Amino acid sequence: MNLDYHLQIINLLAALLLLISFAMLAQRRISGLITLFAWQGAALAMSTAMVAWSTNQPHLYYSVAITLALKVIAMPWYFYRLVKRLNVNRVVEPMINIPTTMLIGIVLVIFSFNLALPIFEMSGTVMRSTLGIAMATVLLAFLMMITRTKAIPQVIGFLAMENGLFFAATSATYGMPLVVELGVALDVLVAVFVLGIFIFQIRETFDSLDLKHMEKLKER
């Protein structure tokens, strides 16, 4: 397959990442959000594999393996166990209603593409056209974090933001050195386990995963 065909597949996967980000914004069930996060990790792994193949960057295959192991298998399994054990798979209303959130998301996408335009003109990588989508994915994940009050959706938003940052690194520089990627993967894994313990403590203390209850600590 020629390079143009590879680029078309990469652009399609980048569009899929953006679509999943919007779906995560609109998702109100935690189990559905976890499923979308796993699909986002799969799309990220496939796009990274296509970049590795089309640009002859073998070190990116290690990144693909790490992404599949952590973000498609291990972390979703861990979150599903949390949801089942805590029995919190119910409809979660965001702080801002869904239509307004989606409109804000569209504005962030437009802002991201305009922000990435100067970099697009200077970059020499084959994935420079997807940098705007990478930035939009980061901003949409951040929006999801600040519009959700429950702990688990906020953790997933943090991980989705890391997905966008990784996709941006692949777009701009064909990925980070393997030692850095392993270090980041380990940090993210440790952070998820620590946040899992934190979620259990919130549930035991307040009998709820709504972080607004943390305001009660100010009164003590």
N, C-alpha and C. Protein backbone atom coordinates (compact mmCIF):
# COMPACT_ATOMS: atom_id res chain seq x y z
N MET A 1 0.84 -1.20 0.00
CA MET A 1 0.00 0.00 0.00
C MET A 1 0.87 1.24 0.00
N ASN A 2 0.46 2.27 -0.76
CA ASN A 2 1.26 3.48 -0.82
C ASN A 2 0.99 4.38 0.38
N LEU A 3 1.79 5.46 0.46
CA LEU A 3 1.71 6.34 1.62
C LEU A 3 0.37 7.07 1.69
N ASP A 4 -0.17 7.46 0.54
CA ASP A 4 -1.46 8.17 0.54
C ASP A 4 -2.57 7.32 1.14
N TYR A 5 -2.55 6.03 0.84
CA TYR A 5 -3.56 5.13 1.39
C TYR A 5 -3.41 5.03 2.90
N HIS A 6 -2.15 4.95 3.38
CA HIS A 6 -1.89 4.92 4.82
C HIS A 6 -2.42 6.18 5.49
N LEU A 7 -2.18 7.33 4.85
CA LEU A 7 -2.63 8.60 5.42
C LEU A 7 -4.16 8.65 5.51
N GLN A 8 -4.82 8.10 4.53
CA GLN A 8 -6.28 8.08 4.57
C GLN A 8 -6.79 7.26 5.75
N ILE A 9 -6.13 6.12 6.00
CA ILE A 9 -6.53 5.28 7.14
C ILE A 9 -6.25 6.00 8.45
N ILE A 10 -5.08 6.66 8.54
CA ILE A 10 -4.73 7.40 9.76
C ILE A 10 -5.71 8.53 10.01
N ASN A 11 -6.07 9.25 8.96
CA ASN A 11 -7.05 10.33 9.11
C ASN A 11 -8.42 9.80 9.53
N LEU A 12 -8.78 8.63 9.01
CA LEU A 12 -10.05 8.00 9.40
C LEU A 12 -10.04 7.62 10.87
N LEU A 13 -8.92 7.06 11.33
CA LEU A 13 -8.81 6.69 12.74
C LEU A 13 -8.78 7.92 13.63
N ALA A 14 -8.15 9.00 13.15
CA ALA A 14 -8.14 10.25 13.91
C ALA A 14 -9.56 10.80 14.06
N ALA A 15 -10.32 10.75 12.97
CA ALA A 15 -11.72 11.18 13.03
C ALA A 15 -12.52 10.31 13.99
N LEU A 16 -12.21 9.01 14.02
CA LEU A 16 -12.88 8.10 14.96
C LEU A 16 -12.57 8.47 16.40
N LEU A 17 -11.31 8.84 16.67
CA LEU A 17 -10.93 9.30 18.01
C LEU A 17 -11.77 10.51 18.43
N LEU A 18 -11.92 11.46 17.51
CA LEU A 18 -12.69 12.66 17.81
C LEU A 18 -14.16 12.32 18.03
N LEU A 19 -14.70 11.43 17.22
CA LEU A 19 -16.10 11.01 17.36
C LEU A 19 -16.32 10.34 18.71
N ILE A 20 -15.38 9.49 19.12
CA ILE A 20 -15.50 8.81 20.42
C ILE A 20 -15.44 9.83 21.55
N SER A 21 -14.62 10.86 21.40
CA SER A 21 -14.54 11.91 22.42
C SER A 21 -15.89 12.59 22.61
N PHE A 22 -16.57 12.88 21.51
CA PHE A 22 -17.90 13.47 21.61
C PHE A 22 -18.90 12.48 22.23
N ALA A 23 -18.77 11.21 21.87
CA ALA A 23 -19.65 10.20 22.45
C ALA A 23 -19.44 10.08 23.97
N MET A 24 -18.21 10.22 24.41
CA MET A 24 -17.92 10.19 25.84
C MET A 24 -18.54 11.39 26.56
N LEU A 25 -18.55 12.54 25.89
CA LEU A 25 -19.19 13.72 26.47
C LEU A 25 -20.69 13.49 26.68
N ALA A 26 -21.31 12.79 25.73
CA ALA A 26 -22.75 12.58 25.78
C ALA A 26 -23.17 11.38 26.62
N GLN A 27 -22.22 10.50 26.96
CA GLN A 27 -22.54 9.27 27.67
C GLN A 27 -22.83 9.56 29.14
N ARG A 28 -23.91 8.99 29.65
CA ARG A 28 -24.30 9.24 31.03
C ARG A 28 -24.14 8.01 31.93
N ARG A 29 -24.01 6.83 31.33
CA ARG A 29 -23.78 5.62 32.13
C ARG A 29 -22.29 5.34 32.23
N ILE A 30 -21.85 5.00 33.42
CA ILE A 30 -20.42 4.81 33.65
C ILE A 30 -19.89 3.62 32.86
N SER A 31 -20.65 2.52 32.80
CA SER A 31 -20.19 1.35 32.04
C SER A 31 -20.04 1.69 30.56
N GLY A 32 -20.97 2.49 30.03
CA GLY A 32 -20.85 2.92 28.64
C GLY A 32 -19.62 3.79 28.42
N LEU A 33 -19.32 4.62 29.41
CA LEU A 33 -18.13 5.48 29.33
C LEU A 33 -16.86 4.65 29.32
N ILE A 34 -16.83 3.59 30.12
CA ILE A 34 -15.67 2.70 30.15
C ILE A 34 -15.49 2.00 28.80
N THR A 35 -16.61 1.55 28.22
CA THR A 35 -16.55 0.89 26.90
C THR A 35 -16.01 1.84 25.84
N LEU A 36 -16.47 3.09 25.85
CA LEU A 36 -15.97 4.08 24.90
C LEU A 36 -14.49 4.36 25.10
N PHE A 37 -14.05 4.38 26.36
CA PHE A 37 -12.62 4.58 26.64
C PHE A 37 -11.79 3.44 26.05
N ALA A 38 -12.29 2.21 26.17
CA ALA A 38 -11.58 1.07 25.60
C ALA A 38 -11.51 1.18 24.08
N TRP A 39 -12.62 1.59 23.44
CA TRP A 39 -12.61 1.78 21.99
C TRP A 39 -11.66 2.91 21.58
N GLN A 40 -11.59 3.95 22.39
CA GLN A 40 -10.66 5.03 22.10
C GLN A 40 -9.22 4.53 22.15
N GLY A 41 -8.91 3.69 23.15
CA GLY A 41 -7.58 3.11 23.23
C GLY A 41 -7.27 2.23 22.04
N ALA A 42 -8.27 1.47 21.56
CA ALA A 42 -8.07 0.62 20.39
C ALA A 42 -7.80 1.45 19.14
N ALA A 43 -8.56 2.55 18.97
CA ALA A 43 -8.34 3.43 17.82
C ALA A 43 -6.96 4.08 17.88
N LEU A 44 -6.54 4.46 19.10
CA LEU A 44 -5.21 5.04 19.27
C LEU A 44 -4.12 4.04 18.92
N ALA A 45 -4.30 2.79 19.35
CA ALA A 45 -3.31 1.74 19.05
C ALA A 45 -3.24 1.48 17.55
N MET A 46 -4.39 1.43 16.88
CA MET A 46 -4.40 1.18 15.43
C MET A 46 -3.75 2.32 14.66
N SER A 47 -4.03 3.57 15.07
CA SER A 47 -3.41 4.70 14.38
C SER A 47 -1.90 4.71 14.58
N THR A 48 -1.46 4.37 15.79
CA THR A 48 -0.02 4.32 16.06
C THR A 48 0.64 3.22 15.24
N ALA A 49 -0.04 2.07 15.11
CA ALA A 49 0.50 0.98 14.29
C ALA A 49 0.62 1.40 12.83
N MET A 50 -0.37 2.14 12.33
CA MET A 50 -0.32 2.61 10.94
C MET A 50 0.82 3.59 10.73
N VAL A 51 1.06 4.46 11.72
CA VAL A 51 2.19 5.41 11.62
C VAL A 51 3.50 4.64 11.63
N ALA A 52 3.61 3.64 12.50
CA ALA A 52 4.84 2.84 12.56
C ALA A 52 5.11 2.14 11.23
N TRP A 53 4.05 1.64 10.61
CA TRP A 53 4.21 0.91 9.34
C TRP A 53 4.55 1.87 8.20
N SER A 54 3.84 2.99 8.12
CA SER A 54 4.00 3.88 6.98
C SER A 54 5.29 4.70 7.04
N THR A 55 5.85 4.91 8.24
CA THR A 55 7.06 5.74 8.39
C THR A 55 8.28 4.92 8.80
N ASN A 56 8.10 3.60 8.92
CA ASN A 56 9.22 2.72 9.30
C ASN A 56 9.82 3.15 10.65
N GLN A 57 8.95 3.22 11.66
CA GLN A 57 9.38 3.56 13.02
C GLN A 57 9.08 2.37 13.94
N PRO A 58 9.99 1.39 14.00
CA PRO A 58 9.70 0.14 14.74
C PRO A 58 9.43 0.36 16.22
N HIS A 59 10.02 1.41 16.83
CA HIS A 59 9.82 1.60 18.26
C HIS A 59 8.36 1.89 18.61
N LEU A 60 7.58 2.36 17.63
CA LEU A 60 6.17 2.65 17.89
C LEU A 60 5.35 1.38 18.13
N TYR A 61 5.85 0.24 17.66
CA TYR A 61 5.11 -1.01 17.91
C TYR A 61 5.09 -1.35 19.40
N TYR A 62 6.12 -0.94 20.13
CA TYR A 62 6.10 -1.11 21.58
C TYR A 62 5.00 -0.25 22.21
N SER A 63 4.85 0.94 21.66
CA SER A 63 3.78 1.82 22.14
C SER A 63 2.42 1.20 21.88
N VAL A 64 2.27 0.55 20.73
CA VAL A 64 1.01 -0.13 20.41
C VAL A 64 0.72 -1.21 21.43
N ALA A 65 1.73 -2.00 21.76
CA ALA A 65 1.55 -3.09 22.73
C ALA A 65 1.18 -2.55 24.10
N ILE A 66 1.85 -1.47 24.53
CA ILE A 66 1.55 -0.86 25.83
C ILE A 66 0.12 -0.34 25.86
N THR A 67 -0.29 0.33 24.78
CA THR A 67 -1.63 0.89 24.72
C THR A 67 -2.69 -0.20 24.77
N LEU A 68 -2.49 -1.28 24.01
CA LEU A 68 -3.45 -2.37 24.02
C LEU A 68 -3.54 -3.04 25.39
N ALA A 69 -2.38 -3.25 26.00
CA ALA A 69 -2.36 -3.95 27.29
C ALA A 69 -3.01 -3.12 28.39
N LEU A 70 -2.71 -1.81 28.42
CA LEU A 70 -3.19 -0.98 29.52
C LEU A 70 -4.58 -0.40 29.26
N LYS A 71 -4.76 0.21 28.09
CA LYS A 71 -5.96 1.02 27.88
C LYS A 71 -7.10 0.29 27.18
N VAL A 72 -6.81 -0.87 26.64
CA VAL A 72 -7.88 -1.65 26.01
C VAL A 72 -8.27 -2.85 26.88
N ILE A 73 -7.31 -3.35 27.66
CA ILE A 73 -7.58 -4.56 28.46
C ILE A 73 -7.57 -4.27 29.96
N ALA A 74 -6.41 -3.87 30.50
CA ALA A 74 -6.23 -3.80 31.95
C ALA A 74 -7.10 -2.73 32.61
N MET A 75 -7.03 -1.49 32.12
CA MET A 75 -7.76 -0.41 32.78
C MET A 75 -9.28 -0.55 32.64
N PRO A 76 -9.82 -0.88 31.45
CA PRO A 76 -11.27 -1.10 31.40
C PRO A 76 -11.74 -2.23 32.32
N TRP A 77 -10.97 -3.32 32.38
CA TRP A 77 -11.31 -4.43 33.28
C TRP A 77 -11.33 -3.95 34.73
N TYR A 78 -10.35 -3.13 35.09
CA TYR A 78 -10.26 -2.60 36.46
C TYR A 78 -11.45 -1.71 36.77
N PHE A 79 -11.84 -0.85 35.81
CA PHE A 79 -12.97 0.04 36.03
C PHE A 79 -14.29 -0.73 36.08
N TYR A 80 -14.43 -1.76 35.24
CA TYR A 80 -15.65 -2.58 35.29
C TYR A 80 -15.79 -3.24 36.66
N ARG A 81 -14.68 -3.70 37.21
CA ARG A 81 -14.72 -4.30 38.55
C ARG A 81 -15.12 -3.27 39.59
N LEU A 82 -14.59 -2.04 39.49
CA LEU A 82 -14.95 -0.98 40.42
C LEU A 82 -16.45 -0.69 40.37
N VAL A 83 -16.97 -0.56 39.14
CA VAL A 83 -18.38 -0.25 38.97
C VAL A 83 -19.25 -1.36 39.55
N LYS A 84 -18.87 -2.61 39.28
CA LYS A 84 -19.66 -3.73 39.79
C LYS A 84 -19.58 -3.83 41.31
N ARG A 85 -18.39 -3.61 41.84
CA ARG A 85 -18.22 -3.74 43.29
C ARG A 85 -18.91 -2.61 44.05
N LEU A 86 -18.86 -1.39 43.48
CA LEU A 86 -19.47 -0.24 44.14
C LEU A 86 -20.93 -0.05 43.77
N ASN A 87 -21.38 -0.80 42.74
CA ASN A 87 -22.77 -0.72 42.29
C ASN A 87 -23.15 0.72 41.96
N VAL A 88 -22.38 1.34 41.05
CA VAL A 88 -22.60 2.75 40.72
C VAL A 88 -22.94 2.94 39.25
N ASN A 89 -23.35 1.87 38.56
CA ASN A 89 -23.66 1.99 37.13
C ASN A 89 -25.08 2.52 36.92
N ARG A 90 -25.23 3.79 37.26
CA ARG A 90 -26.52 4.43 37.05
C ARG A 90 -26.33 5.67 36.18
N VAL A 91 -27.44 6.26 35.77
CA VAL A 91 -27.38 7.46 34.93
C VAL A 91 -26.78 8.60 35.74
N VAL A 92 -25.74 9.23 35.19
CA VAL A 92 -25.06 10.33 35.87
C VAL A 92 -25.33 11.61 35.10
N GLU A 93 -25.97 12.57 35.74
CA GLU A 93 -26.25 13.84 35.10
C GLU A 93 -25.03 14.75 35.22
N PRO A 94 -24.52 15.29 34.11
CA PRO A 94 -23.39 16.22 34.18
C PRO A 94 -23.81 17.56 34.75
N MET A 95 -22.84 18.38 35.13
CA MET A 95 -23.12 19.70 35.68
C MET A 95 -23.79 20.60 34.65
N ILE A 96 -23.43 20.42 33.37
CA ILE A 96 -24.03 21.18 32.27
C ILE A 96 -24.80 20.19 31.41
N ASN A 97 -25.98 20.59 30.93
CA ASN A 97 -26.78 19.66 30.14
C ASN A 97 -26.05 19.25 28.86
N ILE A 98 -26.44 18.10 28.31
CA ILE A 98 -25.72 17.51 27.19
C ILE A 98 -25.68 18.41 25.95
N PRO A 99 -26.80 19.01 25.51
CA PRO A 99 -26.72 19.87 24.32
C PRO A 99 -25.75 21.02 24.47
N THR A 100 -25.75 21.67 25.65
CA THR A 100 -24.82 22.78 25.88
C THR A 100 -23.38 22.28 25.88
N THR A 101 -23.16 21.12 26.50
CA THR A 101 -21.81 20.55 26.52
C THR A 101 -21.31 20.24 25.12
N MET A 102 -22.18 19.72 24.27
CA MET A 102 -21.78 19.41 22.89
C MET A 102 -21.46 20.69 22.12
N LEU A 103 -22.22 21.74 22.35
CA LEU A 103 -21.92 23.02 21.68
C LEU A 103 -20.57 23.56 22.12
N ILE A 104 -20.29 23.47 23.41
CA ILE A 104 -18.98 23.90 23.90
C ILE A 104 -17.89 23.04 23.27
N GLY A 105 -18.15 21.75 23.12
CA GLY A 105 -17.18 20.85 22.49
C GLY A 105 -16.89 21.25 21.06
N ILE A 106 -17.92 21.64 20.31
CA ILE A 106 -17.71 22.07 18.92
C ILE A 106 -16.83 23.32 18.88
N VAL A 107 -17.08 24.26 19.80
CA VAL A 107 -16.25 25.47 19.87
C VAL A 107 -14.80 25.10 20.17
N LEU A 108 -14.59 24.14 21.07
CA LEU A 108 -13.22 23.71 21.40
C LEU A 108 -12.53 23.07 20.20
N VAL A 109 -13.28 22.32 19.39
CA VAL A 109 -12.70 21.70 18.20
C VAL A 109 -12.25 22.78 17.21
N ILE A 110 -13.11 23.78 16.99
CA ILE A 110 -12.75 24.88 16.09
C ILE A 110 -11.51 25.61 16.60
N PHE A 111 -11.46 25.85 17.92
CA PHE A 111 -10.30 26.51 18.53
C PHE A 111 -9.04 25.66 18.35
N SER A 112 -9.17 24.35 18.51
CA SER A 112 -8.01 23.45 18.39
C SER A 112 -7.44 23.47 16.98
N PHE A 113 -8.31 23.44 15.97
CA PHE A 113 -7.83 23.44 14.59
C PHE A 113 -7.15 24.76 14.24
N ASN A 114 -7.67 25.86 14.75
CA ASN A 114 -7.03 27.15 14.51
C ASN A 114 -5.70 27.25 15.25
N LEU A 115 -5.63 26.66 16.44
CA LEU A 115 -4.39 26.66 17.21
C LEU A 115 -3.32 25.81 16.54
N ALA A 116 -3.74 24.70 15.92
CA ALA A 116 -2.78 23.78 15.30
C ALA A 116 -2.34 24.22 13.91
N LEU A 117 -3.01 25.22 13.32
CA LEU A 117 -2.72 25.62 11.95
C LEU A 117 -1.27 26.07 11.74
N PRO A 118 -0.70 26.93 12.61
CA PRO A 118 0.72 27.30 12.41
C PRO A 118 1.67 26.12 12.50
N ILE A 119 1.37 25.18 13.43
CA ILE A 119 2.22 24.00 13.57
C ILE A 119 2.10 23.12 12.33
N PHE A 120 0.88 23.01 11.80
CA PHE A 120 0.65 22.23 10.59
C PHE A 120 1.50 22.74 9.43
N GLU A 121 1.61 24.06 9.32
CA GLU A 121 2.36 24.65 8.20
C GLU A 121 3.86 24.43 8.34
N MET A 122 4.35 24.31 9.58
CA MET A 122 5.79 24.15 9.80
C MET A 122 6.22 22.70 9.91
N SER A 123 5.30 21.80 10.28
CA SER A 123 5.65 20.41 10.55
C SER A 123 5.95 19.66 9.26
N GLY A 124 6.87 18.70 9.37
CA GLY A 124 7.21 17.88 8.21
C GLY A 124 6.77 16.44 8.35
N THR A 125 6.01 16.12 9.40
CA THR A 125 5.58 14.74 9.61
C THR A 125 4.35 14.44 8.76
N VAL A 126 4.15 13.17 8.45
CA VAL A 126 3.02 12.79 7.61
C VAL A 126 1.69 12.94 8.36
N MET A 127 1.74 13.00 9.68
CA MET A 127 0.51 13.09 10.48
C MET A 127 0.20 14.51 10.92
N ARG A 128 0.86 15.50 10.31
CA ARG A 128 0.65 16.88 10.77
C ARG A 128 -0.81 17.32 10.65
N SER A 129 -1.56 16.72 9.70
CA SER A 129 -2.96 17.10 9.50
C SER A 129 -3.85 16.65 10.66
N THR A 130 -3.38 15.72 11.47
CA THR A 130 -4.18 15.20 12.59
C THR A 130 -3.87 15.89 13.91
N LEU A 131 -2.96 16.85 13.91
CA LEU A 131 -2.57 17.50 15.15
C LEU A 131 -3.74 18.28 15.75
N GLY A 132 -4.55 18.89 14.91
CA GLY A 132 -5.73 19.60 15.41
C GLY A 132 -6.69 18.66 16.12
N ILE A 133 -6.87 17.46 15.57
CA ILE A 133 -7.74 16.47 16.21
C ILE A 133 -7.15 16.04 17.55
N ALA A 134 -5.83 15.90 17.60
CA ALA A 134 -5.18 15.52 18.86
C ALA A 134 -5.43 16.57 19.94
N MET A 135 -5.27 17.84 19.57
CA MET A 135 -5.53 18.92 20.54
C MET A 135 -6.99 18.95 20.95
N ALA A 136 -7.89 18.73 19.99
CA ALA A 136 -9.31 18.72 20.30
C ALA A 136 -9.65 17.59 21.25
N THR A 137 -9.03 16.43 21.07
CA THR A 137 -9.26 15.29 21.96
C THR A 137 -8.86 15.62 23.39
N VAL A 138 -7.74 16.31 23.54
CA VAL A 138 -7.28 16.72 24.88
C VAL A 138 -8.29 17.68 25.52
N LEU A 139 -8.72 18.68 24.77
CA LEU A 139 -9.65 19.67 25.32
C LEU A 139 -11.02 19.08 25.63
N LEU A 140 -11.49 18.17 24.78
CA LEU A 140 -12.78 17.52 25.05
C LEU A 140 -12.72 16.64 26.30
N ALA A 141 -11.58 15.97 26.49
CA ALA A 141 -11.41 15.16 27.70
C ALA A 141 -11.38 16.06 28.94
N PHE A 142 -10.72 17.22 28.83
CA PHE A 142 -10.69 18.17 29.94
C PHE A 142 -12.09 18.69 30.24
N LEU A 143 -12.86 18.96 29.18
CA LEU A 143 -14.25 19.39 29.36
C LEU A 143 -15.06 18.33 30.08
N MET A 144 -14.85 17.06 29.73
CA MET A 144 -15.57 15.99 30.40
C MET A 144 -15.21 15.93 31.88
N MET A 145 -13.95 16.17 32.20
CA MET A 145 -13.53 16.15 33.59
C MET A 145 -14.23 17.23 34.41
N ILE A 146 -14.34 18.44 33.87
CA ILE A 146 -14.87 19.55 34.66
C ILE A 146 -16.40 19.59 34.67
N THR A 147 -17.05 18.82 33.80
CA THR A 147 -18.52 18.81 33.79
C THR A 147 -19.10 17.59 34.50
N ARG A 148 -18.28 16.69 35.00
CA ARG A 148 -18.75 15.51 35.72
C ARG A 148 -18.42 15.66 37.20
N THR A 149 -19.33 15.24 38.04
CA THR A 149 -19.12 15.34 39.49
C THR A 149 -18.72 14.01 40.11
N LYS A 150 -18.90 12.91 39.38
CA LYS A 150 -18.56 11.60 39.92
C LYS A 150 -17.07 11.32 39.72
N ALA A 151 -16.51 10.53 40.63
CA ALA A 151 -15.07 10.29 40.63
C ALA A 151 -14.61 9.47 39.43
N ILE A 152 -15.33 8.37 39.13
CA ILE A 152 -14.88 7.49 38.05
C ILE A 152 -14.88 8.19 36.69
N PRO A 153 -15.95 8.92 36.31
CA PRO A 153 -15.89 9.64 35.03
C PRO A 153 -14.75 10.65 34.97
N GLN A 154 -14.41 11.26 36.09
CA GLN A 154 -13.31 12.21 36.09
C GLN A 154 -11.97 11.51 35.87
N VAL A 155 -11.82 10.33 36.45
CA VAL A 155 -10.59 9.55 36.23
C VAL A 155 -10.49 9.14 34.76
N ILE A 156 -11.60 8.70 34.18
CA ILE A 156 -11.60 8.31 32.77
C ILE A 156 -11.31 9.52 31.89
N GLY A 157 -11.83 10.69 32.27
CA GLY A 157 -11.51 11.91 31.54
C GLY A 157 -10.03 12.22 31.57
N PHE A 158 -9.39 12.01 32.72
CA PHE A 158 -7.96 12.22 32.83
C PHE A 158 -7.19 11.28 31.90
N LEU A 159 -7.61 10.03 31.85
CA LEU A 159 -6.95 9.05 30.99
C LEU A 159 -7.20 9.35 29.51
N ALA A 160 -8.41 9.83 29.17
CA ALA A 160 -8.70 10.22 27.80
C ALA A 160 -7.85 11.42 27.39
N MET A 161 -7.59 12.31 28.32
CA MET A 161 -6.70 13.44 28.04
C MET A 161 -5.28 12.94 27.73
N GLU A 162 -4.84 11.94 28.47
CA GLU A 162 -3.52 11.36 28.21
C GLU A 162 -3.48 10.69 26.83
N ASN A 163 -4.61 10.10 26.42
CA ASN A 163 -4.70 9.54 25.06
C ASN A 163 -4.48 10.62 24.02
N GLY A 164 -5.13 11.77 24.22
CA GLY A 164 -4.96 12.87 23.28
C GLY A 164 -3.54 13.39 23.24
N LEU A 165 -2.89 13.46 24.40
CA LEU A 165 -1.50 13.92 24.45
C LEU A 165 -0.58 12.94 23.73
N PHE A 166 -0.84 11.64 23.90
CA PHE A 166 -0.03 10.64 23.21
C PHE A 166 -0.24 10.73 21.70
N PHE A 167 -1.48 10.93 21.28
CA PHE A 167 -1.77 11.07 19.86
C PHE A 167 -1.11 12.32 19.30
N ALA A 168 -1.07 13.40 20.10
CA ALA A 168 -0.39 14.62 19.67
C ALA A 168 1.11 14.38 19.51
N ALA A 169 1.70 13.61 20.45
CA ALA A 169 3.13 13.30 20.35
C ALA A 169 3.42 12.48 19.10
N THR A 170 2.53 11.55 18.79
CA THR A 170 2.71 10.75 17.58
C THR A 170 2.57 11.62 16.33
N SER A 171 1.65 12.57 16.37
CA SER A 171 1.43 13.45 15.23
C SER A 171 2.62 14.35 14.98
N ALA A 172 3.20 14.87 16.05
CA ALA A 172 4.24 15.89 15.91
C ALA A 172 5.64 15.30 15.75
N THR A 173 5.93 14.20 16.46
CA THR A 173 7.31 13.72 16.52
C THR A 173 7.45 12.22 16.28
N TYR A 174 6.38 11.54 15.85
CA TYR A 174 6.40 10.08 15.70
C TYR A 174 6.65 9.37 17.02
N GLY A 175 6.11 9.95 18.08
CA GLY A 175 6.20 9.28 19.38
C GLY A 175 7.38 9.71 20.21
N MET A 176 7.36 9.29 21.47
CA MET A 176 8.42 9.60 22.41
C MET A 176 9.40 8.42 22.49
N PRO A 177 10.60 8.66 23.03
CA PRO A 177 11.52 7.53 23.24
C PRO A 177 10.89 6.45 24.11
N LEU A 178 11.28 5.20 23.89
CA LEU A 178 10.63 4.08 24.57
C LEU A 178 10.74 4.20 26.08
N VAL A 179 11.89 4.64 26.60
CA VAL A 179 12.06 4.77 28.04
C VAL A 179 11.04 5.76 28.61
N VAL A 180 10.82 6.86 27.91
CA VAL A 180 9.84 7.85 28.35
C VAL A 180 8.43 7.27 28.32
N GLU A 181 8.10 6.53 27.25
CA GLU A 181 6.77 5.94 27.14
C GLU A 181 6.52 4.92 28.25
N LEU A 182 7.53 4.10 28.56
CA LEU A 182 7.38 3.13 29.64
C LEU A 182 7.18 3.85 30.98
N GLY A 183 7.93 4.94 31.19
CA GLY A 183 7.79 5.70 32.42
C GLY A 183 6.41 6.32 32.55
N VAL A 184 5.91 6.88 31.45
CA VAL A 184 4.57 7.48 31.46
C VAL A 184 3.51 6.42 31.70
N ALA A 185 3.65 5.26 31.03
CA ALA A 185 2.69 4.17 31.22
C ALA A 185 2.66 3.70 32.67
N LEU A 186 3.83 3.59 33.29
CA LEU A 186 3.90 3.16 34.68
C LEU A 186 3.26 4.21 35.60
N ASP A 187 3.54 5.50 35.33
CA ASP A 187 2.95 6.57 36.13
C ASP A 187 1.43 6.56 36.03
N VAL A 188 0.93 6.37 34.81
CA VAL A 188 -0.52 6.35 34.62
C VAL A 188 -1.14 5.16 35.34
N LEU A 189 -0.49 3.99 35.26
CA LEU A 189 -1.01 2.79 35.92
C LEU A 189 -1.06 2.98 37.43
N VAL A 190 0.03 3.53 38.00
CA VAL A 190 0.06 3.78 39.44
C VAL A 190 -1.02 4.80 39.83
N ALA A 191 -1.17 5.85 39.00
CA ALA A 191 -2.18 6.87 39.28
C ALA A 191 -3.58 6.27 39.30
N VAL A 192 -3.85 5.35 38.38
CA VAL A 192 -5.18 4.73 38.33
C VAL A 192 -5.44 3.91 39.58
N PHE A 193 -4.46 3.15 40.05
CA PHE A 193 -4.65 2.36 41.25
C PHE A 193 -4.82 3.25 42.49
N VAL A 194 -4.03 4.34 42.56
CA VAL A 194 -4.17 5.27 43.68
C VAL A 194 -5.55 5.92 43.66
N LEU A 195 -6.00 6.32 42.46
CA LEU A 195 -7.33 6.91 42.35
C LEU A 195 -8.43 5.90 42.68
N GLY A 196 -8.18 4.62 42.37
CA GLY A 196 -9.14 3.58 42.74
C GLY A 196 -9.29 3.49 44.25
N ILE A 197 -8.17 3.54 44.97
CA ILE A 197 -8.21 3.53 46.44
C ILE A 197 -8.93 4.78 46.95
N PHE A 198 -8.65 5.92 46.31
CA PHE A 198 -9.29 7.17 46.67
C PHE A 198 -10.81 7.08 46.49
N ILE A 199 -11.24 6.46 45.40
CA ILE A 199 -12.67 6.28 45.14
C ILE A 199 -13.32 5.42 46.23
N PHE A 200 -12.65 4.34 46.63
CA PHE A 200 -13.19 3.49 47.70
C PHE A 200 -13.34 4.28 49.00
N GLN A 201 -12.34 5.13 49.29
CA GLN A 201 -12.39 5.92 50.52
C GLN A 201 -13.55 6.91 50.50
N ILE A 202 -13.78 7.52 49.33
CA ILE A 202 -14.92 8.45 49.21
C ILE A 202 -16.22 7.70 49.45
N ARG A 203 -16.34 6.52 48.86
CA ARG A 203 -17.59 5.75 48.99
C ARG A 203 -17.82 5.35 50.45
N GLU A 204 -16.77 4.92 51.13
CA GLU A 204 -16.92 4.48 52.50
C GLU A 204 -17.24 5.64 53.44
N THR A 205 -16.69 6.82 53.13
CA THR A 205 -16.87 7.98 54.02
C THR A 205 -18.21 8.66 53.80
N PHE A 206 -18.58 8.84 52.52
CA PHE A 206 -19.77 9.63 52.21
C PHE A 206 -20.92 8.80 51.63
N ASP A 207 -20.70 7.50 51.42
CA ASP A 207 -21.71 6.64 50.80
C ASP A 207 -22.15 7.18 49.45
N SER A 208 -21.23 7.82 48.74
CA SER A 208 -21.52 8.38 47.42
C SER A 208 -20.19 8.67 46.74
N LEU A 209 -20.21 8.67 45.39
CA LEU A 209 -19.02 9.02 44.63
C LEU A 209 -19.10 10.43 44.06
N ASP A 210 -20.07 11.21 44.54
CA ASP A 210 -20.18 12.60 44.09
C ASP A 210 -19.14 13.43 44.82
N LEU A 211 -18.21 14.04 44.06
CA LEU A 211 -17.12 14.78 44.68
C LEU A 211 -17.58 16.08 45.34
N LYS A 212 -18.83 16.47 45.12
CA LYS A 212 -19.33 17.67 45.80
C LYS A 212 -19.41 17.44 47.30
N HIS A 213 -19.51 16.16 47.68
CA HIS A 213 -19.56 15.87 49.12
C HIS A 213 -18.23 16.16 49.80
N MET A 214 -17.16 16.30 49.02
CA MET A 214 -15.87 16.63 49.62
C MET A 214 -15.90 18.01 50.25
N GLU A 215 -16.85 18.86 49.86
CA GLU A 215 -16.96 20.19 50.44
C GLU A 215 -17.30 20.12 51.92
N LYS A 216 -17.84 18.98 52.36
CA LYS A 216 -18.15 18.83 53.78
C LYS A 216 -16.89 18.88 54.63
N LEU A 217 -15.76 18.53 54.04
CA LEU A 217 -14.51 18.54 54.80
C LEU A 217 -14.13 19.94 55.22
N LYS A 218 -14.58 20.94 54.47
CA LYS A 218 -14.24 22.33 54.80
C LYS A 218 -14.88 22.75 56.12
N GLU A 219 -15.98 22.09 56.45
CA GLU A 219 -16.70 22.48 57.65
C GLU A 219 -16.16 21.81 58.89
N ARG A 220 -15.21 20.88 58.70
CA ARG A 220 -14.69 20.14 59.86
C ARG A 220 -13.39 20.75 60.34
